[in-house]
Amino acid sequence: MGKNKWTCFLLILAGIVIGGFIGNLFPDTWVSYGQTFGLTQPLILDIGIVAITFGLTAKITIASIIGIIIGLVVYRFI
């Protein structure tokens, strides 16, 4: 299996998802400590015929950062 950018991206994304899941499993521990950023209220663009709603929020926790690091280590050994 050759190394490519998509493999690295998918491993980092998997690390973020698994780290976020672990952070939610242990909500009162140090692994769930983090920061949420993004749009707190959705941005609505209403042009009469079509209404489009934009919204994005990201929560970065210690568990997510550990997941990213583990994903990069796994990518290095592939």
Protein backbone atom coordinates (compact mmCIF):
# COMPACT_ATOMS: atom_id res chain seq x y z
CA MET A 1 0.00 0.00 0.00
CA GLY A 2 1.58 3.25 -1.09
CA LYS A 3 1.58 6.42 0.92
CA ASN A 4 -0.50 9.25 -0.43
CA LYS A 5 -2.22 12.37 0.83
CA TRP A 6 -5.67 10.76 1.01
CA THR A 7 -4.42 8.04 3.33
CA CYS A 8 -2.91 10.63 5.64
CA PHE A 9 -6.10 12.72 5.53
CA LEU A 10 -8.31 9.74 6.34
CA LEU A 11 -6.11 8.65 9.24
CA ILE A 12 -6.11 12.17 10.70
CA LEU A 13 -9.88 12.38 10.27
CA ALA A 14 -10.30 8.99 11.95
CA GLY A 15 -8.09 10.19 14.81
CA ILE A 16 -10.24 13.30 15.26
CA VAL A 17 -13.47 11.27 15.27
CA ILE A 18 -12.20 8.61 17.65
CA GLY A 19 -10.63 11.24 19.90
CA GLY A 20 -13.90 13.17 20.00
CA PHE A 21 -15.76 9.98 20.85
CA ILE A 22 -13.34 9.23 23.70
CA GLY A 23 -13.68 12.82 24.93
CA ASN A 24 -17.46 12.38 25.06
CA LEU A 25 -17.14 9.08 26.93
CA PHE A 26 -15.21 10.77 29.76
CA PRO A 27 -16.78 14.25 30.05
CA ASP A 28 -15.35 15.16 33.47
CA THR A 29 -11.71 14.24 32.84
CA TRP A 30 -8.77 16.09 31.36
CA VAL A 31 -9.19 14.46 27.93
CA SER A 32 -12.45 16.33 27.34
CA TYR A 33 -10.89 19.74 28.00
CA GLY A 34 -10.92 21.85 24.87
CA GLN A 35 -12.21 24.83 22.95
CA THR A 36 -15.22 25.27 20.69
CA PHE A 37 -15.06 27.76 17.85
CA GLY A 38 -17.14 28.65 14.83
CA LEU A 39 -20.52 30.21 14.17
CA THR A 40 -22.66 30.07 17.30
CA GLN A 41 -25.76 31.19 15.41
CA PRO A 42 -26.35 29.96 11.86
CA LEU A 43 -26.00 32.50 9.06
CA ILE A 44 -29.19 32.56 6.94
CA LEU A 45 -29.19 33.90 3.39
CA ASP A 46 -32.79 34.37 2.21
CA ILE A 47 -33.12 35.61 -1.38
CA GLY A 48 -36.85 35.07 -1.75
CA ILE A 49 -36.95 31.83 -3.73
CA VAL A 50 -34.21 30.00 -1.85
CA ALA A 51 -33.06 30.22 1.76
CA ILE A 52 -29.55 28.93 2.50
CA THR A 53 -28.33 28.32 6.03
CA PHE A 54 -24.61 28.29 6.82
CA GLY A 55 -23.20 26.99 10.09
CA LEU A 56 -19.99 25.42 11.25
CA THR A 57 -18.75 24.65 14.75
CA ALA A 58 -15.63 22.70 15.68
CA LYS A 59 -14.63 21.42 19.10
CA ILE A 60 -10.96 20.63 19.57
CA THR A 61 -10.19 18.61 22.70
CA ILE A 62 -7.09 17.00 24.16
CA ALA A 63 -8.44 13.61 23.07
CA SER A 64 -8.78 14.86 19.47
CA ILE A 65 -5.19 16.11 19.47
CA ILE A 66 -4.00 12.74 20.80
CA GLY A 67 -6.05 11.05 18.05
CA ILE A 68 -4.39 13.22 15.39
CA ILE A 69 -0.95 12.31 16.73
CA ILE A 70 -1.81 8.60 16.75
CA GLY A 71 -3.12 8.88 13.18
CA LEU A 72 0.14 10.49 12.05
CA VAL A 73 2.19 7.78 13.79
CA VAL A 74 0.12 5.06 12.10
CA TYR A 75 0.60 6.81 8.74
CA ARG A 76 4.34 6.89 9.25
CA PHE A 77 4.47 3.12 9.79
CA ILE A 78 2.28 2.25 6.78
